[in-house]
């Protein structure tokens, strides 16, 4: 998929799942926000705000495991499901994210 497209009034198709390698993240624009979308090795996809609240680090470039993303600038960690910091930083905004039957990754507006 070359560019994000609207699925309906709130959902955005940002990529094909194969464009995000397992264990990595990519940044996309959803509405007026940069969002980091991660494909866990299990195949589950997650989406959070793209900038670390500590110093604006590019979270899509961070290391992930099945549970957290580690900011590449100062090693702050955040839960990929809840956005909560495990290192005392403000929480991330979490976006609903899913893979459609055709492999499209769809991201919605942040919860909460």
PDB file of N, CA and C in Angstrom:
ATOM      1  N   UNK A   1       0.841  -1.163   0.000  1.00  0.00           N
ATOM      2  CA  UNK A   1       0.000   0.000   0.000  1.00  0.00           C
ATOM      3  C   UNK A   1       0.890   1.230   0.000  1.00  0.00           C
ATOM      4  N   UNK A   2       0.703   2.146  -0.929  1.00  0.00           N
ATOM      5  CA  UNK A   2       1.605   3.281  -1.039  1.00  0.00           C
ATOM      6  C   UNK A   2       1.276   4.421  -0.101  1.00  0.00           C
ATOM      7  N   UNK A   3       0.013   4.646   0.196  1.00  0.00           N
ATOM      8  CA  UNK A   3      -0.360   5.763   1.056  1.00  0.00           C
ATOM      9  C   UNK A   3      -1.568   5.366   1.896  1.00  0.00           C
ATOM     10  N   UNK A   4      -1.680   5.951   3.095  1.00  0.00           N
ATOM     11  CA  UNK A   4      -2.850   5.650   3.927  1.00  0.00           C
ATOM     12  C   UNK A   4      -4.148   6.029   3.215  1.00  0.00           C
ATOM     13  N   UNK A   5      -5.162   5.203   3.363  1.00  0.00           N
ATOM     14  CA  UNK A   5      -6.474   5.501   2.783  1.00  0.00           C
ATOM     15  C   UNK A   5      -7.541   5.324   3.840  1.00  0.00           C
ATOM     16  N   UNK A   6      -8.599   6.105   3.723  1.00  0.00           N
ATOM     17  CA  UNK A   6      -9.711   6.030   4.678  1.00  0.00           C
ATOM     18  C   UNK A   6     -10.526   4.771   4.435  1.00  0.00           C
ATOM     19  N   UNK A   7     -10.809   4.066   5.519  1.00  0.00           N
ATOM     20  CA  UNK A   7     -11.667   2.893   5.467  1.00  0.00           C
ATOM     21  C   UNK A   7     -13.112   3.333   5.693  1.00  0.00           C
ATOM     22  N   UNK A   8     -13.321   4.185   6.670  1.00  0.00           N
ATOM     23  CA  UNK A   8     -14.617   4.802   6.943  1.00  0.00           C
ATOM     24  C   UNK A   8     -14.311   6.148   7.581  1.00  0.00           C
ATOM     25  N   UNK A   9     -15.184   6.694   8.377  1.00  0.00           N
ATOM     26  CA  UNK A   9     -14.944   7.998   8.968  1.00  0.00           C
ATOM     27  C   UNK A   9     -13.839   8.046   9.990  1.00  0.00           C
ATOM     28  N   UNK A  10     -13.433   6.896  10.533  1.00  0.00           N
ATOM     29  CA  UNK A  10     -12.452   6.916  11.608  1.00  0.00           C
ATOM     30  C   UNK A  10     -11.267   5.985  11.403  1.00  0.00           C
ATOM     31  N   UNK A  11     -11.375   5.014  10.540  1.00  0.00           N
ATOM     32  CA  UNK A  11     -10.319   4.023  10.346  1.00  0.00           C
ATOM     33  C   UNK A  11      -9.459   4.392   9.134  1.00  0.00           C
ATOM     34  N   UNK A  12      -8.158   4.090   9.219  1.00  0.00           N
ATOM     35  CA  UNK A  12      -7.235   4.367   8.123  1.00  0.00           C
ATOM     36  C   UNK A  12      -6.455   3.097   7.802  1.00  0.00           C
ATOM     37  N   UNK A  13      -6.459   2.719   6.524  1.00  0.00           N
ATOM     38  CA  UNK A  13      -5.615   1.609   6.062  1.00  0.00           C
ATOM     39  C   UNK A  13      -4.230   2.198   5.807  1.00  0.00           C
ATOM     40  N   UNK A  14      -3.229   1.734   6.568  1.00  0.00           N
ATOM     41  CA  UNK A  14      -1.909   2.354   6.483  1.00  0.00           C
ATOM     42  C   UNK A  14      -0.895   1.551   5.675  1.00  0.00           C
ATOM     43  N   UNK A  15      -1.078   0.246   5.589  1.00  0.00           N
ATOM     44  CA  UNK A  15      -0.071  -0.592   4.933  1.00  0.00           C
ATOM     45  C   UNK A  15      -0.630  -1.987   4.730  1.00  0.00           C
ATOM     46  N   UNK A  16       0.114  -2.800   4.006  1.00  0.00           N
ATOM     47  CA  UNK A  16      -0.135  -4.241   3.977  1.00  0.00           C
ATOM     48  C   UNK A  16       0.762  -4.834   5.064  1.00  0.00           C
ATOM     49  N   UNK A  17       0.276  -5.826   5.763  1.00  0.00           N
ATOM     50  CA  UNK A  17       1.017  -6.398   6.886  1.00  0.00           C
ATOM     51  C   UNK A  17       2.421  -6.845   6.476  1.00  0.00           C
ATOM     52  N   UNK A  18       2.606  -7.278   5.246  1.00  0.00           N
ATOM     53  CA  UNK A  18       3.926  -7.718   4.797  1.00  0.00           C
ATOM     54  C   UNK A  18       4.931  -6.580   4.675  1.00  0.00           C
ATOM     55  N   UNK A  19       4.445  -5.325   4.702  1.00  0.00           N
ATOM     56  CA  UNK A  19       5.342  -4.167   4.638  1.00  0.00           C
ATOM     57  C   UNK A  19       5.984  -3.861   5.995  1.00  0.00           C
ATOM     58  N   UNK A  20       5.511  -4.524   7.053  1.00  0.00           N
ATOM     59  CA  UNK A  20       6.072  -4.338   8.393  1.00  0.00           C
ATOM     60  C   UNK A  20       6.686  -5.672   8.804  1.00  0.00           C
ATOM     61  N   UNK A  21       8.012  -5.790   8.787  1.00  0.00           N
ATOM     62  CA  UNK A  21       8.636  -7.066   9.137  1.00  0.00           C
ATOM     63  C   UNK A  21       8.321  -7.468  10.580  1.00  0.00           C
ATOM     64  N   UNK A  22       8.191  -8.761  10.853  1.00  0.00           N
ATOM     65  CA  UNK A  22       7.968  -9.212  12.230  1.00  0.00           C
ATOM     66  C   UNK A  22       9.060  -8.687  13.159  1.00  0.00           C
ATOM     67  N   UNK A  23       8.639  -8.177  14.312  1.00  0.00           N
ATOM     68  CA  UNK A  23       9.587  -7.649  15.287  1.00  0.00           C
ATOM     69  C   UNK A  23      10.014  -6.219  15.036  1.00  0.00           C
ATOM     70  N   UNK A  24       9.333  -5.532  14.101  1.00  0.00           N
ATOM     71  CA  UNK A  24       9.700  -4.158  13.769  1.00  0.00           C
ATOM     72  C   UNK A  24       8.487  -3.248  13.761  1.00  0.00           C
ATOM     73  N   UNK A  25       8.745  -1.958  13.618  1.00  0.00           N
ATOM     74  CA  UNK A  25       7.697  -0.956  13.551  1.00  0.00           C
ATOM     75  C   UNK A  25       7.909  -0.024  12.370  1.00  0.00           C
ATOM     76  N   UNK A  26       6.846   0.678  12.011  1.00  0.00           N
ATOM     77  CA  UNK A  26       6.879   1.693  10.954  1.00  0.00           C
ATOM     78  C   UNK A  26       5.988   2.847  11.393  1.00  0.00           C
ATOM     79  N   UNK A  27       6.302   4.055  10.952  1.00  0.00           N
ATOM     80  CA  UNK A  27       5.499   5.228  11.293  1.00  0.00           C
ATOM     81  C   UNK A  27       4.582   5.593  10.131  1.00  0.00           C
ATOM     82  N   UNK A  28       3.352   5.964  10.456  1.00  0.00           N
ATOM     83  CA  UNK A  28       2.341   6.367   9.472  1.00  0.00           C
ATOM     84  C   UNK A  28       1.569   7.556  10.024  1.00  0.00           C
ATOM     85  N   UNK A  29       0.926   8.291   9.126  1.00  0.00           N
ATOM     86  CA  UNK A  29       0.055   9.387   9.533  1.00  0.00           C
ATOM     87  C   UNK A  29      -1.369   8.847   9.624  1.00  0.00           C
ATOM     88  N   UNK A  30      -2.008   9.075  10.764  1.00  0.00           N
ATOM     89  CA  UNK A  30      -3.410   8.707  10.978  1.00  0.00           C
ATOM     90  C   UNK A  30      -4.104   9.981  11.447  1.00  0.00           C
ATOM     91  N   UNK A  31      -4.977  10.516  10.605  1.00  0.00           N
ATOM     92  CA  UNK A  31      -5.581  11.812  10.904  1.00  0.00           C
ATOM     93  C   UNK A  31      -4.496  12.862  10.896  1.00  0.00           C
ATOM     94  N   UNK A  32      -4.323  13.546  12.024  1.00  0.00           N
ATOM     95  CA  UNK A  32      -3.271  14.561  12.111  1.00  0.00           C
ATOM     96  C   UNK A  32      -2.146  14.128  13.051  1.00  0.00           C
ATOM     97  N   UNK A  33      -2.015  12.824  13.250  1.00  0.00           N
ATOM     98  CA  UNK A  33      -1.023  12.308  14.199  1.00  0.00           C
ATOM     99  C   UNK A  33      -0.119  11.271  13.543  1.00  0.00           C
ATOM    100  N   UNK A  34       1.168  11.316  13.906  1.00  0.00           N
ATOM    101  CA  UNK A  34       2.099  10.257  13.528  1.00  0.00           C
ATOM    102  C   UNK A  34       1.875   9.086  14.480  1.00  0.00           C
ATOM    103  N   UNK A  35       1.731   7.886  13.917  1.00  0.00           N
ATOM    104  CA  UNK A  35       1.466   6.693  14.705  1.00  0.00           C
ATOM    105  C   UNK A  35       2.520   5.641  14.369  1.00  0.00           C
ATOM    106  N   UNK A  36       3.051   4.991  15.406  1.00  0.00           N
ATOM    107  CA  UNK A  36       3.984   3.887  15.222  1.00  0.00           C
ATOM    108  C   UNK A  36       3.194   2.587  15.241  1.00  0.00           C
ATOM    109  N   UNK A  37       3.315   1.800  14.178  1.00  0.00           N
ATOM    110  CA  UNK A  37       2.616   0.522  14.066  1.00  0.00           C
ATOM    111  C   UNK A  37       3.661  -0.583  14.143  1.00  0.00           C
ATOM    112  N   UNK A  38       3.440  -1.532  15.042  1.00  0.00           N
ATOM    113  CA  UNK A  38       4.378  -2.620  15.267  1.00  0.00           C
ATOM    114  C   UNK A  38       3.748  -3.955  14.902  1.00  0.00           C
ATOM    115  N   UNK A  39       4.557  -4.822  14.324  1.00  0.00           N
ATOM    116  CA  UNK A  39       4.140  -6.200  14.048  1.00  0.00           C
ATOM    117  C   UNK A  39       4.972  -7.105  14.955  1.00  0.00           C
ATOM    118  N   UNK A  40       4.320  -7.623  15.965  1.00  0.00           N
ATOM    119  CA  UNK A  40       5.017  -8.505  16.901  1.00  0.00           C
ATOM    120  C   UNK A  40       5.349  -9.828  16.208  1.00  0.00           C
ATOM    121  N   UNK A  41       6.300 -10.534  16.742  1.00  0.00           N
ATOM    122  CA  UNK A  41       6.686 -11.822  16.137  1.00  0.00           C
ATOM    123  C   UNK A  41       5.539 -12.819  16.151  1.00  0.00           C
ATOM    124  N   UNK A  42       4.602 -12.653  17.074  1.00  0.00           N
ATOM    125  CA  UNK A  42       3.420 -13.520  17.120  1.00  0.00           C
ATOM    126  C   UNK A  42       2.459 -13.218  15.971  1.00  0.00           C
ATOM    127  N   UNK A  43       2.643 -12.080  15.290  1.00  0.00           N
ATOM    128  CA  UNK A  43       1.749 -11.658  14.223  1.00  0.00           C
ATOM    129  C   UNK A  43       0.788 -10.564  14.639  1.00  0.00           C
ATOM    130  N   UNK A  44       0.624 -10.365  15.940  1.00  0.00           N
ATOM    131  CA  UNK A  44      -0.268  -9.313  16.428  1.00  0.00           C
ATOM    132  C   UNK A  44       0.300  -7.948  16.044  1.00  0.00           C
ATOM    133  N   UNK A  45      -0.588  -7.020  15.676  1.00  0.00           N
ATOM    134  CA  UNK A  45      -0.167  -5.655  15.385  1.00  0.00           C
ATOM    135  C   UNK A  45      -0.637  -4.727  16.496  1.00  0.00           C
ATOM    136  N   UNK A  46       0.146  -3.690  16.751  1.00  0.00           N
ATOM    137  CA  UNK A  46      -0.157  -2.700  17.779  1.00  0.00           C
ATOM    138  C   UNK A  46       0.180  -1.333  17.223  1.00  0.00           C
ATOM    139  N   UNK A  47      -0.528  -0.308  17.724  1.00  0.00           N
ATOM    140  CA  UNK A  47      -0.266   1.064  17.275  1.00  0.00           C
ATOM    141  C   UNK A  47      -0.305   2.010  18.463  1.00  0.00           C
ATOM    142  N   UNK A  48       0.721   2.860  18.558  1.00  0.00           N
ATOM    143  CA  UNK A  48       0.816   3.867  19.613  1.00  0.00           C
ATOM    144  C   UNK A  48       1.313   5.162  18.987  1.00  0.00           C
ATOM    145  N   UNK A  49       1.228   6.255  19.758  1.00  0.00           N
ATOM    146  CA  UNK A  49       1.774   7.511  19.252  1.00  0.00           C
ATOM    147  C   UNK A  49       3.219   7.289  18.849  1.00  0.00           C
ATOM    148  N   UNK A  50       3.690   7.994  17.832  1.00  0.00           N
ATOM    149  CA  UNK A  50       5.014   7.733  17.279  1.00  0.00           C
ATOM    150  C   UNK A  50       6.157   8.380  18.045  1.00  0.00           C
ATOM    151  N   UNK A  51       5.880   9.430  18.834  1.00  0.00           N
ATOM    152  CA  UNK A  51       6.942  10.144  19.537  1.00  0.00           C
ATOM    153  C   UNK A  51       6.933   9.804  21.024  1.00  0.00           C
ATOM    154  N   UNK A  52       8.093   9.483  21.547  1.00  0.00           N
ATOM    155  CA  UNK A  52       8.231   9.232  22.979  1.00  0.00           C
ATOM    156  C   UNK A  52       7.927  10.524  23.737  1.00  0.00           C
ATOM    157  N   UNK A  53       7.128  10.447  24.806  1.00  0.00           N
ATOM    158  CA  UNK A  53       6.794  11.654  25.554  1.00  0.00           C
ATOM    159  C   UNK A  53       7.980  12.252  26.313  1.00  0.00           C
ATOM    160  N   UNK A  54       9.038  11.489  26.494  1.00  0.00           N
ATOM    161  CA  UNK A  54      10.197  11.983  27.236  1.00  0.00           C
ATOM    162  C   UNK A  54      10.981  13.013  26.433  1.00  0.00           C
ATOM    163  N   UNK A  55      11.386  12.661  25.221  1.00  0.00           N
ATOM    164  CA  UNK A  55      12.211  13.571  24.422  1.00  0.00           C
ATOM    165  C   UNK A  55      11.889  13.483  22.937  1.00  0.00           C
ATOM    166  N   UNK A  56      10.711  12.947  22.596  1.00  0.00           N
ATOM    167  CA  UNK A  56      10.296  12.904  21.193  1.00  0.00           C
ATOM    168  C   UNK A  56      10.974  11.840  20.363  1.00  0.00           C
ATOM    169  N   UNK A  57      11.582  10.861  20.994  1.00  0.00           N
ATOM    170  CA  UNK A  57      12.275   9.802  20.254  1.00  0.00           C
ATOM    171  C   UNK A  57      11.341   9.062  19.315  1.00  0.00           C
ATOM    172  N   UNK A  58      11.860   8.581  18.178  1.00  0.00           N
ATOM    173  CA  UNK A  58      11.055   7.885  17.178  1.00  0.00           C
ATOM    174  C   UNK A  58      10.758   6.439  17.591  1.00  0.00           C
ATOM    175  N   UNK A  59       9.616   6.225  18.214  1.00  0.00           N
ATOM    176  CA  UNK A  59       9.310   4.898  18.757  1.00  0.00           C
ATOM    177  C   UNK A  59       9.249   3.816  17.690  1.00  0.00           C
ATOM    178  N   UNK A  60       8.884   4.142  16.459  1.00  0.00           N
ATOM    179  CA  UNK A  60       8.834   3.128  15.398  1.00  0.00           C
ATOM    180  C   UNK A  60      10.213   2.524  15.142  1.00  0.00           C
ATOM    181  N   UNK A  61      11.274   3.244  15.537  1.00  0.00           N
ATOM    182  CA  UNK A  61      12.645   2.736  15.383  1.00  0.00           C
ATOM    183  C   UNK A  61      13.112   1.956  16.604  1.00  0.00           C
ATOM    184  N   UNK A  62      12.266   1.868  17.634  1.00  0.00           N
ATOM    185  CA  UNK A  62      12.648   1.184  18.861  1.00  0.00           C
ATOM    186  C   UNK A  62      12.598  -0.328  18.747  1.00  0.00           C
ATOM    187  N   UNK A  63      13.262  -0.976  19.683  1.00  0.00           N
ATOM    188  CA  UNK A  63      13.230  -2.433  19.775  1.00  0.00           C
ATOM    189  C   UNK A  63      11.927  -2.847  20.449  1.00  0.00           C
ATOM    190  N   UNK A  64      11.361  -3.985  20.005  1.00  0.00           N
ATOM    191  CA  UNK A  64      10.143  -4.488  20.640  1.00  0.00           C
ATOM    192  C   UNK A  64      10.308  -5.958  20.994  1.00  0.00           C
ATOM    193  N   UNK A  65       9.460  -6.387  21.928  1.00  0.00           N
ATOM    194  CA  UNK A  65       9.254  -7.808  22.157  1.00  0.00           C
ATOM    195  C   UNK A  65       7.745  -8.010  22.131  1.00  0.00           C
ATOM    196  N   UNK A  66       7.245  -9.060  22.687  1.00  0.00           N
ATOM    197  CA  UNK A  66       5.791  -9.298  22.641  1.00  0.00           C
ATOM    198  C   UNK A  66       5.005  -8.356  23.544  1.00  0.00           C
ATOM    199  N   UNK A  67       5.694  -7.613  24.396  1.00  0.00           N
ATOM    200  CA  UNK A  67       4.990  -6.795  25.375  1.00  0.00           C
ATOM    201  C   UNK A  67       5.308  -5.310  25.305  1.00  0.00           C
ATOM    202  N   UNK A  68       6.558  -4.929  25.063  1.00  0.00           N
ATOM    203  CA  UNK A  68       6.951  -3.525  25.161  1.00  0.00           C
ATOM    204  C   UNK A  68       7.731  -3.038  23.944  1.00  0.00           C
ATOM    205  N   UNK A  69       7.760  -1.700  23.817  1.00  0.00           N
ATOM    206  CA  UNK A  69       8.662  -1.033  22.880  1.00  0.00           C
ATOM    207  C   UNK A  69       9.650  -0.237  23.712  1.00  0.00           C
ATOM    208  N   UNK A  70      10.911  -0.224  23.283  1.00  0.00           N
ATOM    209  CA  UNK A  70      11.971   0.509  23.963  1.00  0.00           C
ATOM    210  C   UNK A  70      12.352   1.698  23.089  1.00  0.00           C
ATOM    211  N   UNK A  71      12.244   2.912  23.649  1.00  0.00           N
ATOM    212  CA  UNK A  71      12.609   4.111  22.897  1.00  0.00           C
ATOM    213  C   UNK A  71      14.090   4.059  22.545  1.00  0.00           C
ATOM    214  N   UNK A  72      14.453   4.348  21.286  1.00  0.00           N
ATOM    215  CA  UNK A  72      15.853   4.257  20.890  1.00  0.00           C
ATOM    216  C   UNK A  72      16.738   5.375  21.460  1.00  0.00           C
ATOM    217  N   UNK A  73      16.138   6.444  21.999  1.00  0.00           N
ATOM    218  CA  UNK A  73      16.975   7.535  22.522  1.00  0.00           C
ATOM    219  C   UNK A  73      17.444   7.315  23.950  1.00  0.00           C
ATOM    220  N   UNK A  74      16.516   7.011  24.862  1.00  0.00           N
ATOM    221  CA  UNK A  74      16.881   6.933  26.272  1.00  0.00           C
ATOM    222  C   UNK A  74      16.403   5.652  26.947  1.00  0.00           C
ATOM    223  N   UNK A  75      16.016   4.652  26.177  1.00  0.00           N
ATOM    224  CA  UNK A  75      15.638   3.324  26.658  1.00  0.00           C
ATOM    225  C   UNK A  75      14.431   3.309  27.593  1.00  0.00           C
ATOM    226  N   UNK A  76      13.555   4.318  27.495  1.00  0.00           N
ATOM    227  CA  UNK A  76      12.284   4.233  28.218  1.00  0.00           C
ATOM    228  C   UNK A  76      11.443   3.161  27.548  1.00  0.00           C
ATOM    229  N   UNK A  77      10.667   2.411  28.341  1.00  0.00           N
ATOM    230  CA  UNK A  77       9.858   1.334  27.790  1.00  0.00           C
ATOM    231  C   UNK A  77       8.377   1.592  28.033  1.00  0.00           C
ATOM    232  N   UNK A  78       7.572   1.106  27.076  1.00  0.00           N
ATOM    233  CA  UNK A  78       6.131   1.313  27.103  1.00  0.00           C
ATOM    234  C   UNK A  78       5.418   0.030  26.710  1.00  0.00           C
ATOM    235  N   UNK A  79       4.345  -0.287  27.428  1.00  0.00           N
ATOM    236  CA  UNK A  79       3.528  -1.452  27.130  1.00  0.00           C
ATOM    237  C   UNK A  79       2.799  -1.212  25.813  1.00  0.00           C
ATOM    238  N   UNK A  80       2.892  -2.143  24.875  1.00  0.00           N
ATOM    239  CA  UNK A  80       2.271  -1.985  23.559  1.00  0.00           C
ATOM    240  C   UNK A  80       0.750  -2.087  23.584  1.00  0.00           C
ATOM    241  N   UNK A  81       0.185  -2.720  24.603  1.00  0.00           N
ATOM    242  CA  UNK A  81      -1.268  -2.852  24.691  1.00  0.00           C
ATOM    243  C   UNK A  81      -1.931  -1.693  25.425  1.00  0.00           C
ATOM    244  N   UNK A  82      -1.278  -1.204  26.481  1.00  0.00           N
ATOM    245  CA  UNK A  82      -1.898  -0.171  27.316  1.00  0.00           C
ATOM    246  C   UNK A  82      -1.290   1.213  27.135  1.00  0.00           C
ATOM    247  N   UNK A  83      -0.069   1.282  26.608  1.00  0.00           N
ATOM    248  CA  UNK A  83       0.638   2.542  26.486  1.00  0.00           C
ATOM    249  C   UNK A  83       1.347   2.966  27.759  1.00  0.00           C
ATOM    250  N   UNK A  84       1.119   2.235  28.857  1.00  0.00           N
ATOM    251  CA  UNK A  84       1.722   2.594  30.141  1.00  0.00           C
ATOM    252  C   UNK A  84       3.244   2.442  30.087  1.00  0.00           C
ATOM    253  N   UNK A  85       3.925   3.400  30.714  1.00  0.00           N
ATOM    254  CA  UNK A  85       5.376   3.345  30.808  1.00  0.00           C
ATOM    255  C   UNK A  85       5.775   2.376  31.916  1.00  0.00           C
ATOM    256  N   UNK A  86       6.838   1.633  31.672  1.00  0.00           N
ATOM    257  CA  UNK A  86       7.396   0.777  32.720  1.00  0.00           C
ATOM    258  C   UNK A  86       8.620   1.439  33.339  1.00  0.00           C
ATOM    259  N   UNK A  87       8.916   2.685  32.903  1.00  0.00           N
ATOM    260  CA  UNK A  87      10.104   3.395  33.383  1.00  0.00           C
ATOM    261  C   UNK A  87       9.764   4.793  33.917  1.00  0.00           C
ATOM    262  N   UNK A  88       8.486   5.021  34.266  1.00  0.00           N
ATOM    263  CA  UNK A  88       8.115   6.256  34.921  1.00  0.00           C
ATOM    264  C   UNK A  88       7.791   7.445  34.034  1.00  0.00           C
ATOM    265  N   UNK A  89       7.644   7.234  32.745  1.00  0.00           N
ATOM    266  CA  UNK A  89       7.296   8.327  31.834  1.00  0.00           C
ATOM    267  C   UNK A  89       5.775   8.406  31.672  1.00  0.00           C
ATOM    268  N   UNK A  90       5.263   9.519  31.117  1.00  0.00           N
ATOM    269  CA  UNK A  90       3.827   9.587  30.819  1.00  0.00           C
ATOM    270  C   UNK A  90       3.449   8.475  29.830  1.00  0.00           C
ATOM    271  N   UNK A  91       2.204   8.036  29.914  1.00  0.00           N
ATOM    272  CA  UNK A  91       1.720   6.958  29.037  1.00  0.00           C
ATOM    273  C   UNK A  91       1.600   7.436  27.590  1.00  0.00           C
ATOM    274  N   UNK A  92       1.671   6.479  26.673  1.00  0.00           N
ATOM    275  CA  UNK A  92       1.454   6.748  25.246  1.00  0.00           C
ATOM    276  C   UNK A  92      -0.033   6.664  24.915  1.00  0.00           C
ATOM    277  N   UNK A  93      -0.431   7.368  23.865  1.00  0.00           N
ATOM    278  CA  UNK A  93      -1.774   7.175  23.314  1.00  0.00           C
ATOM    279  C   UNK A  93      -1.749   5.875  22.513  1.00  0.00           C
ATOM    280  N   UNK A  94      -2.761   5.043  22.737  1.00  0.00           N
ATOM    281  CA  UNK A  94      -2.869   3.755  22.053  1.00  0.00           C
ATOM    282  C   UNK A  94      -3.976   3.844  21.012  1.00  0.00           C
ATOM    283  N   UNK A  95      -3.715   3.332  19.821  1.00  0.00           N
ATOM    284  CA  UNK A  95      -4.685   3.316  18.732  1.00  0.00           C
ATOM    285  C   UNK A  95      -5.155   1.891  18.485  1.00  0.00           C
ATOM    286  N   UNK A  96      -6.456   1.676  18.284  1.00  0.00           N
ATOM    287  CA  UNK A  96      -6.893   0.339  17.883  1.00  0.00           C
ATOM    288  C   UNK A  96      -6.268   0.001  16.526  1.00  0.00           C
ATOM    289  N   UNK A  97      -5.879  -1.242  16.365  1.00  0.00           N
ATOM    290  CA  UNK A  97      -5.160  -1.660  15.159  1.00  0.00           C
ATOM    291  C   UNK A  97      -5.512  -3.113  14.874  1.00  0.00           C
ATOM    292  N   UNK A  98      -5.713  -3.426  13.605  1.00  0.00           N
ATOM    293  CA  UNK A  98      -6.048  -4.808  13.233  1.00  0.00           C
ATOM    294  C   UNK A  98      -5.550  -5.092  11.817  1.00  0.00           C
ATOM    295  N   UNK A  99      -5.483  -6.374  11.504  1.00  0.00           N
ATOM    296  CA  UNK A  99      -5.155  -6.818  10.152  1.00  0.00           C
ATOM    297  C   UNK A  99      -6.427  -7.385   9.541  1.00  0.00           C
ATOM    298  N   UNK A 100      -6.819  -6.851   8.395  1.00  0.00           N
ATOM    299  CA  UNK A 100      -7.997  -7.323   7.675  1.00  0.00           C
ATOM    300  C   UNK A 100      -7.674  -8.624   6.936  1.00  0.00           C
ATOM    301  N   UNK A 101      -8.687  -9.280   6.431  1.00  0.00           N
ATOM    302  CA  UNK A 101      -8.522 -10.535   5.705  1.00  0.00           C
ATOM    303  C   UNK A 101      -7.608 -10.439   4.493  1.00  0.00           C
ATOM    304  N   UNK A 102      -7.570  -9.259   3.867  1.00  0.00           N
ATOM    305  CA  UNK A 102      -6.700  -9.073   2.695  1.00  0.00           C
ATOM    306  C   UNK A 102      -5.286  -8.653   3.068  1.00  0.00           C
ATOM    307  N   UNK A 103      -4.996  -8.596   4.392  1.00  0.00           N
ATOM    308  CA  UNK A 103      -3.664  -8.214   4.857  1.00  0.00           C
ATOM    309  C   UNK A 103      -3.487  -6.730   5.125  1.00  0.00           C
ATOM    310  N   UNK A 104      -4.520  -5.927   4.896  1.00  0.00           N
ATOM    311  CA  UNK A 104      -4.428  -4.494   5.182  1.00  0.00           C
ATOM    312  C   UNK A 104      -4.350  -4.251   6.682  1.00  0.00           C
ATOM    313  N   UNK A 105      -3.440  -3.373   7.084  1.00  0.00           N
ATOM    314  CA  UNK A 105      -3.356  -2.953   8.481  1.00  0.00           C
ATOM    315  C   UNK A 105      -4.208  -1.700   8.623  1.00  0.00           C
ATOM    316  N   UNK A 106      -5.182  -1.758   9.528  1.00  0.00           N
ATOM    317  CA  UNK A 106      -6.134  -0.672   9.734  1.00  0.00           C
ATOM    318  C   UNK A 106      -5.931  -0.108  11.134  1.00  0.00           C
ATOM    319  N   UNK A 107      -5.816   1.223  11.212  1.00  0.00           N
ATOM    320  CA  UNK A 107      -5.582   1.913  12.476  1.00  0.00           C
ATOM    321  C   UNK A 107      -6.698   2.927  12.691  1.00  0.00           C
ATOM    322  N   UNK A 108      -7.170   3.007  13.931  1.00  0.00           N
ATOM    323  CA  UNK A 108      -8.216   3.965  14.287  1.00  0.00           C
ATOM    324  C   UNK A 108      -7.674   5.083  15.141  1.00  0.00           C
ATOM    325  N   UNK A 109      -8.552   6.014  15.514  1.00  0.00           N
ATOM    326  CA  UNK A 109      -8.123   7.113  16.380  1.00  0.00           C
ATOM    327  C   UNK A 109      -7.777   6.617  17.777  1.00  0.00           C
ATOM    328  N   UNK A 110      -6.932   7.375  18.465  1.00  0.00           N
ATOM    329  CA  UNK A 110      -6.483   6.973  19.798  1.00  0.00           C
ATOM    330  C   UNK A 110      -7.658   6.816  20.739  1.00  0.00           C
ATOM    331  N   UNK A 111      -7.540   5.834  21.622  1.00  0.00           N
ATOM    332  CA  UNK A 111      -8.551   5.629  22.658  1.00  0.00           C
ATOM    333  C   UNK A 111      -8.273   6.563  23.815  1.00  0.00           C
ATOM    334  N   UNK A 112      -9.367   6.954  24.480  1.00  0.00           N
ATOM    335  CA  UNK A 112      -9.228   7.732  25.690  1.00  0.00           C
ATOM    336  C   UNK A 112      -8.953   9.128  25.510  1.00  0.00           C
TER     337      UNK A 112
END
